[in-house]
Amino acid sequence: MQGYLKLRRHVLDKLKHELPQFLAYHGMNHTLDVLNVCEQYIRRENLSEGDRYTLRIGAIVHDMGFLIGAMNHELIGAGMAEVLMKDLGMDQRIIDQVKGLVLATKIPQTPLNDLQKIICDADLDYLGRDDYPTISVKLFTELKHMNVISTEQQWKDLQINFLQSHHFHTPFAVKNREAKKQYWLKKLLDS
């Protein structure tokens, strides 16, 4: 499947050099984390070569809209990905699938197929992992800088509401991430 490595190099280079420094959470580390989790799904699931290719591209481009700004970053990123993929001569069918993956990550997540379910769960995988506290501090810092929240109480309330309304989509995440997510929610409710 042609173009993936070129696209990966291009997008990661742009993220590394052009993302605003205040994006403590939505930085290159998050993109690489989502790609890594998608790679774990690829190893676990019996995905076709085409689906593996599409999912990897989706993981790489899913937050590139942040290069322009946070508002509607999924829609903007899907458009940016389309232009880049066309420039690399990629098939329109794959472009449309990748755009669907990017758009599926918009909160509240509404995945329509198995690949979209995987990328949605990969995007928020940390909610059910041991590193949730470390990663959530990065998001707190970012949201505070963007004036979305200003106090620790607002942050706590936001986390509680989000964890209560969020649900995983893949059987793996339901089985292996939900219990830990509930643990973090209980800790927040009890604090």
C-alpha atoms as a PDB file:
ATOM      1  CA  MET A   1       0.000   0.000   0.000  1.00  0.00           C
ATOM      2  CA  GLN A   2       1.752   3.057  -1.290  1.00  0.00           C
ATOM      3  CA  GLY A   3       2.182   6.418   0.344  1.00  0.00           C
ATOM      4  CA  TYR A   4       1.811   5.512   4.029  1.00  0.00           C
ATOM      5  CA  LEU A   5       5.418   6.079   5.062  1.00  0.00           C
ATOM      6  CA  LYS A   6       5.612   9.347   3.147  1.00  0.00           C
ATOM      7  CA  LEU A   7       2.336  10.520   4.727  1.00  0.00           C
ATOM      8  CA  ARG A   8       3.509   9.425   8.185  1.00  0.00           C
ATOM      9  CA  ARG A   9       6.806  11.312   7.863  1.00  0.00           C
ATOM     10  CA  HIS A  10       5.068  14.425   6.556  1.00  0.00           C
ATOM     11  CA  VAL A  11       2.308  14.553   9.186  1.00  0.00           C
ATOM     12  CA  LEU A  12       4.559  13.720  12.153  1.00  0.00           C
ATOM     13  CA  ASP A  13       7.057  16.359  11.015  1.00  0.00           C
ATOM     14  CA  LYS A  14       4.279  18.970  10.798  1.00  0.00           C
ATOM     15  CA  LEU A  15       2.918  17.984  14.215  1.00  0.00           C
ATOM     16  CA  LYS A  16       6.391  18.125  15.755  1.00  0.00           C
ATOM     17  CA  HIS A  17       7.277  21.546  14.368  1.00  0.00           C
ATOM     18  CA  GLU A  18       3.972  23.364  13.876  1.00  0.00           C
ATOM     19  CA  LEU A  19       1.595  22.405  16.704  1.00  0.00           C
ATOM     20  CA  PRO A  20       1.168  25.152  19.306  1.00  0.00           C
ATOM     21  CA  GLN A  21       3.317  24.487  22.380  1.00  0.00           C
ATOM     22  CA  PHE A  22       0.360  24.862  24.759  1.00  0.00           C
ATOM     23  CA  LEU A  23      -1.165  21.627  23.403  1.00  0.00           C
ATOM     24  CA  ALA A  24       0.061  19.530  26.312  1.00  0.00           C
ATOM     25  CA  TYR A  25      -2.381  16.713  25.472  1.00  0.00           C
ATOM     26  CA  HIS A  26      -3.146  16.970  21.731  1.00  0.00           C
ATOM     27  CA  GLY A  27       0.516  16.821  20.737  1.00  0.00           C
ATOM     28  CA  MET A  28       2.593  14.351  18.816  1.00  0.00           C
ATOM     29  CA  ASN A  29       2.797  12.012  21.828  1.00  0.00           C
ATOM     30  CA  HIS A  30      -0.986  11.574  21.727  1.00  0.00           C
ATOM     31  CA  THR A  31      -0.916  10.806  17.992  1.00  0.00           C
ATOM     32  CA  LEU A  32       1.843   8.228  18.529  1.00  0.00           C
ATOM     33  CA  ASP A  33      -0.103   6.723  21.453  1.00  0.00           C
ATOM     34  CA  VAL A  34      -3.219   6.336  19.285  1.00  0.00           C
ATOM     35  CA  LEU A  35      -1.111   4.781  16.514  1.00  0.00           C
ATOM     36  CA  ASN A  36       0.467   2.388  19.032  1.00  0.00           C
ATOM     37  CA  VAL A  37      -2.938   1.325  20.377  1.00  0.00           C
ATOM     38  CA  CYS A  38      -4.190   0.848  16.791  1.00  0.00           C
ATOM     39  CA  GLU A  39      -1.134  -1.344  16.143  1.00  0.00           C
ATOM     40  CA  GLN A  40      -2.148  -3.440  19.169  1.00  0.00           C
ATOM     41  CA  TYR A  41      -5.640  -3.835  17.684  1.00  0.00           C
ATOM     42  CA  ILE A  42      -4.074  -4.802  14.345  1.00  0.00           C
ATOM     43  CA  ARG A  43      -2.119  -7.568  16.085  1.00  0.00           C
ATOM     44  CA  ARG A  44      -5.202  -8.774  18.002  1.00  0.00           C
ATOM     45  CA  GLU A  45      -7.858  -8.508  15.308  1.00  0.00           C
ATOM     46  CA  ASN A  46      -7.859 -10.324  11.991  1.00  0.00           C
ATOM     47  CA  LEU A  47      -7.853  -7.145   9.889  1.00  0.00           C
ATOM     48  CA  SER A  48      -7.274  -7.232   6.163  1.00  0.00           C
ATOM     49  CA  GLU A  49      -4.174  -5.538   4.760  1.00  0.00           C
ATOM     50  CA  GLY A  50      -6.383  -2.726   3.430  1.00  0.00           C
ATOM     51  CA  ASP A  51      -7.996  -2.171   6.838  1.00  0.00           C
ATOM     52  CA  ARG A  52      -4.595  -2.135   8.555  1.00  0.00           C
ATOM     53  CA  TYR A  53      -3.381   0.467   6.057  1.00  0.00           C
ATOM     54  CA  THR A  54      -6.488   2.637   6.467  1.00  0.00           C
ATOM     55  CA  LEU A  55      -6.430   2.428  10.283  1.00  0.00           C
ATOM     56  CA  ARG A  56      -2.751   3.412  10.450  1.00  0.00           C
ATOM     57  CA  ILE A  57      -3.365   6.443   8.252  1.00  0.00           C
ATOM     58  CA  GLY A  58      -6.424   7.393  10.312  1.00  0.00           C
ATOM     59  CA  ALA A  59      -4.391   7.235  13.534  1.00  0.00           C
ATOM     60  CA  ILE A  60      -1.655   9.447  12.079  1.00  0.00           C
ATOM     61  CA  VAL A  61      -4.021  12.136  10.740  1.00  0.00           C
ATOM     62  CA  HIS A  62      -6.834  12.012  13.317  1.00  0.00           C
ATOM     63  CA  ASP A  63      -5.786  15.195  15.160  1.00  0.00           C
ATOM     64  CA  MET A  64      -3.950  17.120  12.437  1.00  0.00           C
ATOM     65  CA  GLY A  65      -6.765  19.679  12.455  1.00  0.00           C
ATOM     66  CA  PHE A  66      -5.122  21.043  15.620  1.00  0.00           C
ATOM     67  CA  LEU A  67      -2.495  22.514  13.278  1.00  0.00           C
ATOM     68  CA  ILE A  68      -5.226  25.044  12.392  1.00  0.00           C
ATOM     69  CA  GLY A  69      -7.053  25.169  15.730  1.00  0.00           C
ATOM     70  CA  ALA A  70      -9.147  23.276  18.262  1.00  0.00           C
ATOM     71  CA  MET A  71     -12.558  24.371  16.941  1.00  0.00           C
ATOM     72  CA  ASN A  72     -13.994  21.713  14.578  1.00  0.00           C
ATOM     73  CA  HIS A  73     -10.541  20.124  14.371  1.00  0.00           C
ATOM     74  CA  GLU A  74     -11.973  16.789  13.208  1.00  0.00           C
ATOM     75  CA  LEU A  75     -13.716  18.312  10.188  1.00  0.00           C
ATOM     76  CA  ILE A  76     -10.713  20.499   9.380  1.00  0.00           C
ATOM     77  CA  GLY A  77      -8.329  17.572   9.853  1.00  0.00           C
ATOM     78  CA  ALA A  78     -10.417  15.326   7.594  1.00  0.00           C
ATOM     79  CA  GLY A  79     -10.154  17.959   4.863  1.00  0.00           C
ATOM     80  CA  MET A  80      -6.403  18.360   5.387  1.00  0.00           C
ATOM     81  CA  ALA A  81      -5.970  14.574   5.239  1.00  0.00           C
ATOM     82  CA  GLU A  82      -7.957  14.412   1.993  1.00  0.00           C
ATOM     83  CA  VAL A  83      -5.729  17.001   0.308  1.00  0.00           C
ATOM     84  CA  LEU A  84      -2.563  15.264   1.491  1.00  0.00           C
ATOM     85  CA  MET A  85      -3.773  11.808   0.463  1.00  0.00           C
ATOM     86  CA  LYS A  86      -4.823  13.064  -2.994  1.00  0.00           C
ATOM     87  CA  ASP A  87      -1.376  14.634  -3.408  1.00  0.00           C
ATOM     88  CA  LEU A  88       0.123  11.216  -2.623  1.00  0.00           C
ATOM     89  CA  GLY A  89      -2.102   9.567  -5.250  1.00  0.00           C
ATOM     90  CA  MET A  90      -4.181   7.547  -2.808  1.00  0.00           C
ATOM     91  CA  ASP A  91      -7.451   5.942  -3.838  1.00  0.00           C
ATOM     92  CA  GLN A  92     -10.631   7.992  -3.168  1.00  0.00           C
ATOM     93  CA  ARG A  93     -12.264   5.034  -1.430  1.00  0.00           C
ATOM     94  CA  ILE A  94      -9.429   4.942   1.127  1.00  0.00           C
ATOM     95  CA  ILE A  95      -9.526   8.737   1.476  1.00  0.00           C
ATOM     96  CA  ASP A  96     -13.245   8.560   2.284  1.00  0.00           C
ATOM     97  CA  GLN A  97     -12.654   5.790   4.844  1.00  0.00           C
ATOM     98  CA  VAL A  98      -9.883   7.787   6.537  1.00  0.00           C
ATOM     99  CA  LYS A  99     -12.086  10.885   6.669  1.00  0.00           C
ATOM    100  CA  GLY A 100     -14.764   8.736   8.317  1.00  0.00           C
ATOM    101  CA  LEU A 101     -12.230   7.568  10.909  1.00  0.00           C
ATOM    102  CA  VAL A 102     -11.218  11.141  11.738  1.00  0.00           C
ATOM    103  CA  LEU A 103     -14.821  12.355  11.987  1.00  0.00           C
ATOM    104  CA  ALA A 104     -15.794   9.384  14.182  1.00  0.00           C
ATOM    105  CA  THR A 105     -13.421  10.607  16.919  1.00  0.00           C
ATOM    106  CA  LYS A 106     -15.487  13.771  17.475  1.00  0.00           C
ATOM    107  CA  ILE A 107     -16.992  13.841  20.958  1.00  0.00           C
ATOM    108  CA  PRO A 108     -19.537  12.367  21.494  1.00  0.00           C
ATOM    109  CA  GLN A 109     -18.078   9.542  19.459  1.00  0.00           C
ATOM    110  CA  THR A 110     -20.412   7.921  16.939  1.00  0.00           C
ATOM    111  CA  PRO A 111     -18.519   5.125  15.192  1.00  0.00           C
ATOM    112  CA  LEU A 112     -20.438   3.491  12.344  1.00  0.00           C
ATOM    113  CA  ASN A 113     -18.202   0.483  11.610  1.00  0.00           C
ATOM    114  CA  ASP A 114     -15.526  -1.702  13.195  1.00  0.00           C
ATOM    115  CA  LEU A 115     -12.555   0.434  12.102  1.00  0.00           C
ATOM    116  CA  GLN A 116     -14.231   3.560  13.460  1.00  0.00           C
ATOM    117  CA  LYS A 117     -14.887   1.728  16.743  1.00  0.00           C
ATOM    118  CA  ILE A 118     -11.201   0.819  16.961  1.00  0.00           C
ATOM    119  CA  ILE A 119      -9.935   4.356  16.359  1.00  0.00           C
ATOM    120  CA  CYS A 120     -12.456   5.799  18.814  1.00  0.00           C
ATOM    121  CA  ASP A 121     -11.336   3.384  21.518  1.00  0.00           C
ATOM    122  CA  ALA A 122      -7.667   3.951  20.654  1.00  0.00           C
ATOM    123  CA  ASP A 123      -8.181   7.722  20.905  1.00  0.00           C
ATOM    124  CA  LEU A 124      -9.524   7.412  24.470  1.00  0.00           C
ATOM    125  CA  ASP A 125      -7.692   4.229  25.500  1.00  0.00           C
ATOM    126  CA  TYR A 126      -5.931   6.058  28.331  1.00  0.00           C
ATOM    127  CA  LEU A 127      -9.269   6.450  30.178  1.00  0.00           C
ATOM    128  CA  GLY A 128      -8.933   2.807  31.183  1.00  0.00           C
ATOM    129  CA  ARG A 129      -5.180   2.632  31.770  1.00  0.00           C
ATOM    130  CA  ASP A 130      -2.831   3.147  34.694  1.00  0.00           C
ATOM    131  CA  ASP A 131      -1.443   6.343  33.107  1.00  0.00           C
ATOM    132  CA  TYR A 132      -4.834   8.114  33.198  1.00  0.00           C
ATOM    133  CA  PRO A 133      -3.800  10.545  35.986  1.00  0.00           C
ATOM    134  CA  THR A 134      -0.620  11.610  34.159  1.00  0.00           C
ATOM    135  CA  ILE A 135      -2.366  12.086  30.814  1.00  0.00           C
ATOM    136  CA  SER A 136      -5.398  13.826  32.321  1.00  0.00           C
ATOM    137  CA  VAL A 137      -3.102  16.454  33.888  1.00  0.00           C
ATOM    138  CA  LYS A 138      -1.883  17.259  30.367  1.00  0.00           C
ATOM    139  CA  LEU A 139      -5.466  17.733  29.190  1.00  0.00           C
ATOM    140  CA  PHE A 140      -6.230  19.906  32.240  1.00  0.00           C
ATOM    141  CA  THR A 141      -3.243  22.127  31.397  1.00  0.00           C
ATOM    142  CA  GLU A 142      -4.354  22.409  27.767  1.00  0.00           C
ATOM    143  CA  LEU A 143      -8.001  23.175  28.546  1.00  0.00           C
ATOM    144  CA  LYS A 144      -6.984  25.744  31.151  1.00  0.00           C
ATOM    145  CA  HIS A 145      -4.759  27.494  28.601  1.00  0.00           C
ATOM    146  CA  MET A 146      -7.660  27.570  26.119  1.00  0.00           C
ATOM    147  CA  ASN A 147      -9.957  29.031  28.846  1.00  0.00           C
ATOM    148  CA  VAL A 148     -12.342  26.070  28.617  1.00  0.00           C
ATOM    149  CA  ILE A 149     -11.959  25.638  32.387  1.00  0.00           C
ATOM    150  CA  SER A 150     -10.259  27.719  35.036  1.00  0.00           C
ATOM    151  CA  THR A 151     -10.440  25.807  38.329  1.00  0.00           C
ATOM    152  CA  GLU A 152      -9.579  22.338  39.585  1.00  0.00           C
ATOM    153  CA  GLN A 153     -13.230  21.876  40.618  1.00  0.00           C
ATOM    154  CA  GLN A 154     -14.390  22.589  37.056  1.00  0.00           C
ATOM    155  CA  TRP A 155     -11.817  20.072  35.836  1.00  0.00           C
ATOM    156  CA  LYS A 156     -12.983  17.446  38.335  1.00  0.00           C
ATOM    157  CA  ASP A 157     -16.624  18.001  37.312  1.00  0.00           C
ATOM    158  CA  LEU A 158     -15.708  17.796  33.623  1.00  0.00           C
ATOM    159  CA  GLN A 159     -13.826  14.524  34.147  1.00  0.00           C
ATOM    160  CA  ILE A 160     -16.674  12.988  36.146  1.00  0.00           C
ATOM    161  CA  ASN A 161     -19.274  13.970  33.526  1.00  0.00           C
ATOM    162  CA  PHE A 162     -17.087  12.714  30.699  1.00  0.00           C
ATOM    163  CA  LEU A 163     -16.243   9.383  32.340  1.00  0.00           C
ATOM    164  CA  GLN A 164     -19.915   8.843  33.201  1.00  0.00           C
ATOM    165  CA  SER A 165     -21.123   9.527  29.654  1.00  0.00           C
ATOM    166  CA  HIS A 166     -18.294   7.785  27.774  1.00  0.00           C
ATOM    167  CA  HIS A 167     -18.505   4.179  26.680  1.00  0.00           C
ATOM    168  CA  PHE A 168     -16.046   1.965  24.853  1.00  0.00           C
ATOM    169  CA  HIS A 169     -17.058   0.388  21.547  1.00  0.00           C
ATOM    170  CA  THR A 170     -14.813  -2.633  20.913  1.00  0.00           C
ATOM    171  CA  PRO A 171     -15.106  -5.915  22.808  1.00  0.00           C
ATOM    172  CA  PHE A 172     -11.426  -5.615  23.807  1.00  0.00           C
ATOM    173  CA  ALA A 173     -11.818  -2.155  25.385  1.00  0.00           C
ATOM    174  CA  VAL A 174     -15.085  -3.097  27.108  1.00  0.00           C
ATOM    175  CA  LYS A 175     -13.359  -6.126  28.634  1.00  0.00           C
ATOM    176  CA  ASN A 176      -9.928  -4.612  29.329  1.00  0.00           C
ATOM    177  CA  ARG A 177     -10.429  -0.853  29.844  1.00  0.00           C
ATOM    178  CA  GLU A 178     -13.903  -0.325  31.293  1.00  0.00           C
ATOM    179  CA  ALA A 179     -13.138  -1.582  34.829  1.00  0.00           C
ATOM    180  CA  LYS A 180     -10.100   0.690  35.187  1.00  0.00           C
ATOM    181  CA  LYS A 181     -12.094   3.630  33.815  1.00  0.00           C
ATOM    182  CA  GLN A 182     -14.739   2.965  36.482  1.00  0.00           C
ATOM    183  CA  TYR A 183     -11.954   2.841  39.088  1.00  0.00           C
ATOM    184  CA  TRP A 184     -10.777   6.330  38.053  1.00  0.00           C
ATOM    185  CA  LEU A 185     -14.356   7.593  38.094  1.00  0.00           C
ATOM    186  CA  LYS A 186     -14.893   6.249  41.628  1.00  0.00           C
ATOM    187  CA  LYS A 187     -11.668   7.913  42.790  1.00  0.00           C
ATOM    188  CA  LEU A 188     -12.883  11.241  41.398  1.00  0.00           C
ATOM    189  CA  LEU A 189     -16.339  10.839  42.955  1.00  0.00           C
ATOM    190  CA  ASP A 190     -14.797   9.944  46.345  1.00  0.00           C
ATOM    191  CA  SER A 191     -12.286  12.800  46.380  1.00  0.00           C
END
